[in-house]
């Protein structure tokens, strides 16, 4: 078994922004970009660069989603997730506080620059190592720049003296930490924080692919760059649906009341499980994630996500609906079959379907059957559930 060496480099990936200008329901970094989120695309490039501790600064309440994306992109032992602050500067400070002791060079990278190639990271690291200064990737300004007053042009600006700054921006750890401690006002980027403390900052060549996803037009541009083959296939079959299958099994023996189909069943023995043991809710989640190609329930709600311990079906279903929506999918419908001797579903079928449908924002139908005494459901030892879900490109 190989052990990843302790790195001397860290990359703080700032992913805590709300993305108001993007107009999305989810935080910007968790919006869908092709088959994955903006954050996961950014992390794939981070992990393809030189080995580093990767500190993801996540939106409050979405730390588990950030960890899921990170684990899909790189080794778990290199990953740290922290909660972001109210401003970018506060978020970077939170990332700095999570650095390992051996870190010497720190790169700060905006998750919104999701397509930044790994060689940009390499150039920044090499420049910091060679000079001891900070280093920022830049691109020359190609447009003619004017200084204006309201709608009137005041004068032209010599663009030869200008450059567009990108990320990652790299610095010696001690310099960046000291600069953040000394900062008493908000700056637009990390280079400005460091420069305000009297340190030199150099430049390296940037990359056109490192543009920042800020507006819907930026997002569409990024989607064209990463998802054209998929989009072409979908165009050949307009609004092509996808189908997923999910199953779940739980034994009786949990503590408290029985929860099934998002309902409490007084007087029935509880099912055992990490959350409330609701096999119907869990099977639906697996079917939806399978249909959208987004992993399974363990990926998003496993035992390493303690925030879901004891959660009921409506929490799982609402979160799954949000995950699919951020990835560009909408739910068509879900059909569920329950195999169990108890509880008896007929009296509460309509109630169960209403609760599940409201949580998903899509119709859910539930059927129930016994197994004529066969298998563990027939022996009354537990519940088995099968779910089929259909999703469509949003």
Protein backbone atom coordinates (compact mmCIF):
# COMPACT_ATOMS: atom_id res chain seq x y z
CA UNK A 1 0.00 0.00 0.00
CA UNK A 2 1.53 3.32 -1.12
CA UNK A 3 1.47 6.30 1.21
CA UNK A 4 1.11 9.80 -0.23
CA UNK A 5 4.08 11.91 0.94
CA UNK A 6 3.35 14.98 3.04
CA UNK A 7 3.39 17.88 0.57
CA UNK A 8 5.11 21.24 1.02
CA UNK A 9 2.49 22.97 -1.16
CA UNK A 10 -1.15 23.74 -0.39
CA UNK A 11 -3.92 24.94 -2.66
CA UNK A 12 -6.80 26.79 -1.01
CA UNK A 13 -9.82 26.45 -3.31
CA UNK A 14 -12.27 29.24 -2.55
CA UNK A 15 -15.75 27.84 -3.22
CA UNK A 16 -17.97 29.63 -0.69
CA UNK A 17 -19.49 32.27 -2.99
CA UNK A 18 -23.26 32.53 -3.45
CA UNK A 19 -23.07 33.21 -7.17
CA UNK A 20 -25.82 35.83 -7.16
CA UNK A 21 -24.86 37.11 -10.61
CA UNK A 22 -25.05 33.59 -11.99
CA UNK A 23 -28.74 33.45 -11.09
CA UNK A 24 -28.56 29.81 -9.92
CA UNK A 25 -30.45 28.22 -7.03
CA UNK A 26 -27.30 26.55 -5.68
CA UNK A 27 -24.04 28.20 -4.53
CA UNK A 28 -21.93 28.91 -7.61
CA UNK A 29 -19.31 26.20 -7.07
CA UNK A 30 -22.03 23.53 -6.82
CA UNK A 31 -23.80 24.47 -10.06
CA UNK A 32 -23.70 21.84 -12.78
CA UNK A 33 -21.06 22.10 -15.49
CA UNK A 34 -21.46 19.24 -17.94
CA UNK A 35 -21.62 15.99 -15.99
CA UNK A 36 -20.18 17.44 -12.76
CA UNK A 37 -20.22 20.59 -10.66
CA UNK A 38 -18.05 23.65 -11.23
CA UNK A 39 -16.15 22.68 -8.07
CA UNK A 40 -15.40 19.14 -9.22
CA UNK A 41 -14.01 20.40 -12.54
CA UNK A 42 -11.79 22.84 -10.66
CA UNK A 43 -10.57 20.11 -8.31
CA UNK A 44 -9.73 17.70 -11.14
CA UNK A 45 -7.26 20.30 -12.43
CA UNK A 46 -5.94 21.03 -8.94
CA UNK A 47 -5.19 17.35 -8.34
CA UNK A 48 -3.56 17.06 -11.77
CA UNK A 49 -1.05 19.74 -10.70
CA UNK A 50 1.88 19.05 -8.32
CA UNK A 51 0.89 17.15 -5.17
CA UNK A 52 -0.58 19.50 -2.57
CA UNK A 53 -2.77 19.67 0.47
CA UNK A 54 -6.10 20.79 -0.99
CA UNK A 55 -8.20 22.96 1.32
CA UNK A 56 -11.73 23.51 0.02
CA UNK A 57 -13.51 26.50 1.55
CA UNK A 58 -17.18 25.52 1.23
CA UNK A 59 -20.48 27.35 1.70
CA UNK A 60 -21.94 26.93 5.17
CA UNK A 61 -24.12 23.84 5.26
CA UNK A 62 -22.65 22.41 2.04
CA UNK A 63 -19.40 21.03 3.42
CA UNK A 64 -20.53 17.46 2.76
CA UNK A 65 -21.17 18.21 -0.91
CA UNK A 66 -17.73 19.79 -1.24
CA UNK A 67 -16.14 16.71 0.34
CA UNK A 68 -18.02 14.44 -2.06
CA UNK A 69 -16.70 16.38 -5.05
CA UNK A 70 -13.18 16.41 -3.62
CA UNK A 71 -13.11 12.66 -2.96
CA UNK A 72 -14.22 12.05 -6.55
CA UNK A 73 -11.32 14.16 -7.82
CA UNK A 74 -8.34 13.19 -5.65
CA UNK A 75 -6.93 11.27 -2.66
CA UNK A 76 -8.89 11.63 0.57
CA UNK A 77 -5.70 12.00 2.63
CA UNK A 78 -4.87 15.28 0.84
CA UNK A 79 -8.28 16.86 1.37
CA UNK A 80 -9.39 19.34 4.02
CA UNK A 81 -12.82 21.01 3.97
CA UNK A 82 -13.57 24.14 5.99
CA UNK A 83 -16.51 26.53 6.16
CA UNK A 84 -16.24 29.86 4.37
CA UNK A 85 -16.88 33.33 5.74
CA UNK A 86 -19.04 36.26 4.75
CA UNK A 87 -16.36 37.66 2.40
CA UNK A 88 -13.72 36.14 0.18
CA UNK A 89 -11.03 37.46 2.49
CA UNK A 90 -12.62 35.75 5.48
CA UNK A 91 -12.87 32.53 3.49
CA UNK A 92 -9.19 32.59 2.57
CA UNK A 93 -8.33 33.24 6.22
CA UNK A 94 -10.34 30.14 7.16
CA UNK A 95 -8.35 28.15 4.62
CA UNK A 96 -5.04 29.45 5.98
CA UNK A 97 -6.01 28.34 9.47
CA UNK A 98 -6.37 24.75 8.21
CA UNK A 99 -2.89 24.43 6.65
CA UNK A 100 -0.68 21.55 7.73
CA UNK A 101 2.55 22.30 9.56
CA UNK A 102 4.83 21.26 6.68
CA UNK A 103 3.29 23.63 4.11
CA UNK A 104 5.76 26.16 2.71
CA UNK A 105 4.03 27.51 -0.42
CA UNK A 106 0.33 28.40 -0.63
CA UNK A 107 -1.73 28.87 -3.78
CA UNK A 108 -5.16 30.49 -3.56
CA UNK A 109 -7.51 29.51 -6.36
CA UNK A 110 -11.07 30.48 -7.20
CA UNK A 111 -13.28 27.44 -7.87
CA UNK A 112 -15.11 29.64 -10.38
CA UNK A 113 -12.00 29.45 -12.59
CA UNK A 114 -12.84 25.79 -13.02
CA UNK A 115 -11.03 25.16 -16.31
CA UNK A 116 -7.62 26.50 -15.29
CA UNK A 117 -5.06 24.00 -16.72
CA UNK A 118 -2.60 22.28 -14.35
CA UNK A 119 0.41 23.89 -16.03
CA UNK A 120 -0.69 27.30 -14.71
CA UNK A 121 -0.33 25.93 -11.18
CA UNK A 122 3.12 24.63 -12.10
CA UNK A 123 4.24 28.04 -13.41
CA UNK A 124 3.07 29.81 -10.27
CA UNK A 125 4.84 27.33 -7.98
CA UNK A 126 8.07 27.58 -10.00
CA UNK A 127 8.00 31.38 -9.83
CA UNK A 128 7.49 31.44 -6.05
CA UNK A 129 10.31 28.93 -5.58
CA UNK A 130 12.66 30.87 -7.85
CA UNK A 131 12.07 34.37 -6.48
CA UNK A 132 10.49 34.09 -3.06
CA UNK A 133 7.91 36.64 -4.25
CA UNK A 134 4.25 36.16 -4.77
CA UNK A 135 3.25 35.15 -8.30
CA UNK A 136 0.04 35.81 -10.21
CA UNK A 137 -0.97 34.42 -13.62
CA UNK A 138 -1.98 37.23 -15.98
CA UNK A 139 -3.18 37.77 -19.52
CA UNK A 140 -2.50 40.89 -21.61
CA UNK A 141 -5.44 43.24 -22.06
CA UNK A 142 -6.41 43.14 -25.74
CA UNK A 143 -9.34 45.57 -25.77
CA UNK A 144 -8.90 49.31 -26.05
CA UNK A 145 -9.43 50.72 -22.56
CA UNK A 146 -11.09 54.07 -21.86
CA UNK A 147 -11.47 56.03 -18.64
CA UNK A 148 -15.06 57.29 -18.47
CA UNK A 149 -17.15 59.70 -16.44
CA UNK A 150 -20.75 58.48 -16.51
CA UNK A 151 -21.35 58.07 -20.28
CA UNK A 152 -18.52 60.33 -21.47
CA UNK A 153 -15.02 59.19 -22.39
CA UNK A 154 -12.42 61.12 -20.44
CA UNK A 155 -9.24 59.67 -21.90
CA UNK A 156 -7.61 56.54 -23.20
CA UNK A 157 -5.56 54.21 -20.99
CA UNK A 158 -2.29 52.69 -22.15
CA UNK A 159 -3.15 48.99 -22.21
CA UNK A 160 0.53 48.00 -22.47
CA UNK A 161 0.74 48.75 -18.74
CA UNK A 162 -2.30 46.61 -17.89
CA UNK A 163 -2.85 42.89 -17.36
CA UNK A 164 -5.85 40.80 -16.32
CA UNK A 165 -5.10 38.86 -13.14
CA UNK A 166 -6.23 35.25 -12.71
CA UNK A 167 -5.79 32.49 -10.13
CA UNK A 168 -4.12 30.50 -8.65
CA UNK A 169 -2.09 33.18 -6.92
CA UNK A 170 0.91 31.77 -5.05
CA UNK A 171 2.97 32.98 -2.10
CA UNK A 172 5.35 31.82 0.58
CA UNK A 173 3.23 30.69 3.48
CA UNK A 174 4.77 33.02 6.05
CA UNK A 175 4.30 36.06 3.82
CA UNK A 176 0.65 35.28 3.03
CA UNK A 177 -0.28 34.48 6.63
CA UNK A 178 1.38 37.66 7.93
CA UNK A 179 -0.28 39.75 5.22
CA UNK A 180 -3.73 38.44 6.13
CA UNK A 181 -3.13 39.09 9.81
CA UNK A 182 -2.18 42.69 9.00
CA UNK A 183 -5.06 43.37 6.60
CA UNK A 184 -7.59 45.88 7.94
CA UNK A 185 -9.64 46.41 4.80
CA UNK A 186 -11.06 44.26 2.02
CA UNK A 187 -8.97 43.77 -1.11
CA UNK A 188 -10.03 42.38 -4.47
CA UNK A 189 -7.50 39.54 -4.50
CA UNK A 190 -4.69 37.95 -2.53
CA UNK A 191 -1.95 39.74 -4.45
CA UNK A 192 -3.39 43.06 -3.26
CA UNK A 193 -3.36 41.84 0.36
CA UNK A 194 0.29 40.83 0.05
CA UNK A 195 1.32 44.00 -1.80
CA UNK A 196 -0.35 46.13 0.89
CA UNK A 197 2.04 44.52 3.39
CA UNK A 198 5.02 45.71 1.37
CA UNK A 199 5.93 42.47 -0.43
CA UNK A 200 6.72 42.09 -4.12
CA UNK A 201 4.42 40.18 -6.41
CA UNK A 202 5.49 38.96 -9.84
CA UNK A 203 3.58 37.56 -12.79
CA UNK A 204 3.56 34.41 -14.89
CA UNK A 205 1.74 33.60 -18.09
CA UNK A 206 -1.97 32.92 -17.56
CA UNK A 207 -4.34 30.96 -19.76
CA UNK A 208 -7.52 31.92 -21.62
CA UNK A 209 -9.24 28.83 -20.21
CA UNK A 210 -8.82 30.23 -16.69
CA UNK A 211 -11.69 32.69 -17.16
CA UNK A 212 -13.98 33.22 -14.18
CA UNK A 213 -17.52 31.85 -14.34
CA UNK A 214 -19.58 34.79 -13.10
CA UNK A 215 -22.58 35.26 -15.39
CA UNK A 216 -24.93 32.87 -17.23
CA UNK A 217 -22.99 33.64 -20.42
CA UNK A 218 -19.75 32.54 -18.75
CA UNK A 219 -21.41 29.32 -17.62
CA UNK A 220 -22.65 28.57 -21.12
CA UNK A 221 -19.17 29.17 -22.50
CA UNK A 222 -17.72 26.74 -19.95
CA UNK A 223 -20.41 24.16 -20.71
CA UNK A 224 -19.58 24.32 -24.39
CA UNK A 225 -15.91 23.71 -23.58
CA UNK A 226 -16.47 20.69 -21.32
CA UNK A 227 -19.70 19.18 -22.54
CA UNK A 228 -20.01 19.51 -26.30
CA UNK A 229 -20.03 15.75 -27.04
CA UNK A 230 -22.81 15.17 -24.49
CA UNK A 231 -24.77 18.19 -25.69
CA UNK A 232 -24.50 16.98 -29.28
CA UNK A 233 -25.90 13.57 -28.28
CA UNK A 234 -28.78 15.20 -26.43
CA UNK A 235 -29.50 17.42 -29.43
CA UNK A 236 -29.85 14.31 -31.60
CA UNK A 237 -32.61 13.05 -29.26
CA UNK A 238 -34.33 16.21 -27.91
CA UNK A 239 -35.14 16.03 -24.20
CA UNK A 240 -34.01 12.41 -24.05
CA UNK A 241 -34.98 10.93 -20.67
CA UNK A 242 -32.75 8.75 -18.55
CA UNK A 243 -33.86 5.95 -16.24
CA UNK A 244 -32.29 4.77 -12.99
CA UNK A 245 -32.97 1.89 -10.62
CA UNK A 246 -32.52 1.90 -6.85
CA UNK A 247 -32.95 -0.72 -4.15
CA UNK A 248 -32.70 -0.74 -0.41
CA UNK A 249 -33.10 -3.27 2.38
CA UNK A 250 -33.43 -2.66 6.12
CA UNK A 251 -34.03 -5.07 8.96
CA UNK A 252 -36.34 -4.40 11.85
CA UNK A 253 -34.57 -3.65 15.10
CA UNK A 254 -33.96 0.09 15.20
CA UNK A 255 -34.82 2.37 18.11
CA UNK A 256 -37.87 4.58 18.26
CA UNK A 257 -40.74 4.65 15.79
CA UNK A 258 -40.95 3.17 12.31
CA UNK A 259 -40.42 5.69 9.51
CA UNK A 260 -41.28 4.59 5.98
CA UNK A 261 -42.19 6.61 2.87
CA UNK A 262 -41.59 9.77 4.87
CA UNK A 263 -44.32 8.82 7.36
CA UNK A 264 -44.22 7.78 10.99
CA UNK A 265 -46.02 4.51 11.71
CA UNK A 266 -47.01 4.42 15.38
CA UNK A 267 -47.04 0.99 16.98
CA UNK A 268 -44.75 -0.55 14.34
CA UNK A 269 -41.22 -1.77 15.02
CA UNK A 270 -38.52 0.58 13.74
CA UNK A 271 -36.07 -0.28 10.98
CA UNK A 272 -32.34 -0.03 11.70
CA UNK A 273 -30.14 2.33 9.66
CA UNK A 274 -27.72 5.28 9.63
CA UNK A 275 -30.57 7.76 9.44
CA UNK A 276 -34.16 6.71 10.18
CA UNK A 277 -33.93 3.48 8.15
CA UNK A 278 -36.57 4.64 5.65
CA UNK A 279 -35.89 2.08 2.91
CA UNK A 280 -38.37 3.73 0.53
CA UNK A 281 -36.74 7.13 0.74
CA UNK A 282 -33.29 5.60 0.35
CA UNK A 283 -34.26 3.51 -2.69
CA UNK A 284 -35.72 6.61 -4.36
CA UNK A 285 -32.50 8.54 -3.75
CA UNK A 286 -30.43 5.75 -5.33
CA UNK A 287 -32.74 5.55 -8.35
CA UNK A 288 -32.54 9.30 -8.98
CA UNK A 289 -28.76 9.53 -8.55
CA UNK A 290 -28.35 6.48 -10.81
CA UNK A 291 -30.50 8.02 -13.53
CA UNK A 292 -28.48 11.25 -13.47
CA UNK A 293 -25.11 9.49 -13.26
CA UNK A 294 -24.29 11.20 -9.96
CA UNK A 295 -23.19 8.28 -7.81
CA UNK A 296 -25.32 6.71 -5.10
CA UNK A 297 -26.68 7.37 -1.64
CA UNK A 298 -23.39 6.41 0.00
CA UNK A 299 -21.58 9.03 -2.07
CA UNK A 300 -23.72 11.90 -0.81
CA UNK A 301 -25.27 10.70 2.46
CA UNK A 302 -22.93 7.97 3.83
CA UNK A 303 -21.77 7.47 7.38
CA UNK A 304 -19.00 10.04 6.81
CA UNK A 305 -21.76 12.67 6.60
CA UNK A 306 -22.91 12.82 10.25
CA UNK A 307 -25.28 15.69 9.49
CA UNK A 308 -27.72 13.12 8.03
CA UNK A 309 -27.77 10.83 11.07
CA UNK A 310 -31.43 10.49 12.10
CA UNK A 311 -32.67 12.53 9.10
CA UNK A 312 -36.04 11.63 7.58
CA UNK A 313 -36.88 10.96 3.93
CA UNK A 314 -37.96 14.51 3.10
CA UNK A 315 -34.46 15.77 3.94
CA UNK A 316 -32.81 13.16 1.69
CA UNK A 317 -35.26 13.72 -1.15
CA UNK A 318 -35.10 17.52 -1.06
CA UNK A 319 -31.29 17.40 -1.03
CA UNK A 320 -31.26 14.88 -3.90
CA UNK A 321 -33.59 17.09 -5.88
CA UNK A 322 -31.17 19.99 -5.37
CA UNK A 323 -28.16 17.86 -6.40
CA UNK A 324 -29.90 16.86 -9.64
CA UNK A 325 -31.02 20.42 -10.33
CA UNK A 326 -27.49 21.77 -9.87
CA UNK A 327 -26.23 19.15 -12.33
CA UNK A 328 -28.80 20.13 -14.96
CA UNK A 329 -31.49 17.48 -14.42
CA UNK A 330 -35.19 17.62 -13.56
CA UNK A 331 -37.20 14.74 -12.15
CA UNK A 332 -39.92 13.19 -14.30
CA UNK A 333 -41.46 10.60 -12.00
CA UNK A 334 -40.62 7.78 -9.60
CA UNK A 335 -42.30 4.40 -9.13
CA UNK A 336 -41.70 2.37 -5.96
CA UNK A 337 -42.56 -1.20 -4.95
CA UNK A 338 -42.32 -2.27 -1.30
CA UNK A 339 -42.02 -5.91 -0.26
CA UNK A 340 -43.00 -6.39 3.38
CA UNK A 341 -45.55 -8.09 5.59
CA UNK A 342 -45.98 -4.90 7.57
CA UNK A 343 -46.94 -2.11 7.83
CA UNK A 344 -50.11 -2.31 5.76
CA UNK A 345 -49.85 0.38 3.08
CA UNK A 346 -53.34 0.47 1.62
CA UNK A 347 -54.78 2.86 4.21
CA UNK A 348 -51.93 5.38 3.89
CA UNK A 349 -50.85 4.95 0.27
CA UNK A 350 -52.24 8.31 -0.88
CA UNK A 351 -50.66 10.08 2.10
CA UNK A 352 -47.27 8.47 1.40
CA UNK A 353 -47.41 9.40 -2.29
CA UNK A 354 -48.32 13.00 -1.42
CA UNK A 355 -45.42 13.41 1.05
CA UNK A 356 -42.87 11.88 -1.32
CA UNK A 357 -44.15 13.83 -4.35
CA UNK A 358 -44.03 17.15 -2.49
CA UNK A 359 -40.44 16.51 -1.39
CA UNK A 360 -39.33 15.76 -4.97
CA UNK A 361 -41.56 18.19 -6.84
CA UNK A 362 -42.54 15.29 -9.11
CA UNK A 363 -45.08 12.44 -9.00
CA UNK A 364 -44.22 9.37 -6.94
CA UNK A 365 -46.34 6.21 -7.01
CA UNK A 366 -46.02 3.49 -4.36
CA UNK A 367 -47.19 -0.12 -4.58
CA UNK A 368 -46.83 -2.73 -1.86
CA UNK A 369 -46.84 -6.52 -1.85
CA UNK A 370 -46.00 -9.47 0.36
CA UNK A 371 -43.81 -12.36 -0.73
CA UNK A 372 -46.16 -15.18 0.38
CA UNK A 373 -43.90 -15.96 3.31
CA UNK A 374 -40.74 -16.27 1.21
CA UNK A 375 -37.42 -14.62 2.06
CA UNK A 376 -36.69 -12.23 4.89
CA UNK A 377 -39.62 -9.90 4.04
CA UNK A 378 -41.96 -12.88 4.10
CA UNK A 379 -40.57 -13.95 7.47
CA UNK A 380 -41.20 -10.47 8.85
CA UNK A 381 -37.51 -9.71 9.37
CA UNK A 382 -37.34 -6.51 7.34
CA UNK A 383 -38.36 -4.47 4.31
CA UNK A 384 -37.14 -4.61 0.70
CA UNK A 385 -37.76 -1.76 -1.73
CA UNK A 386 -37.27 -1.29 -5.49
CA UNK A 387 -37.52 2.12 -7.14
CA UNK A 388 -37.37 3.28 -10.76
CA UNK A 389 -36.86 6.95 -11.61
CA UNK A 390 -36.96 8.96 -14.83
CA UNK A 391 -35.09 12.25 -15.24
CA UNK A 392 -34.81 14.76 -18.08
CA UNK A 393 -32.22 17.38 -19.04
CA UNK A 394 -33.36 20.62 -17.44
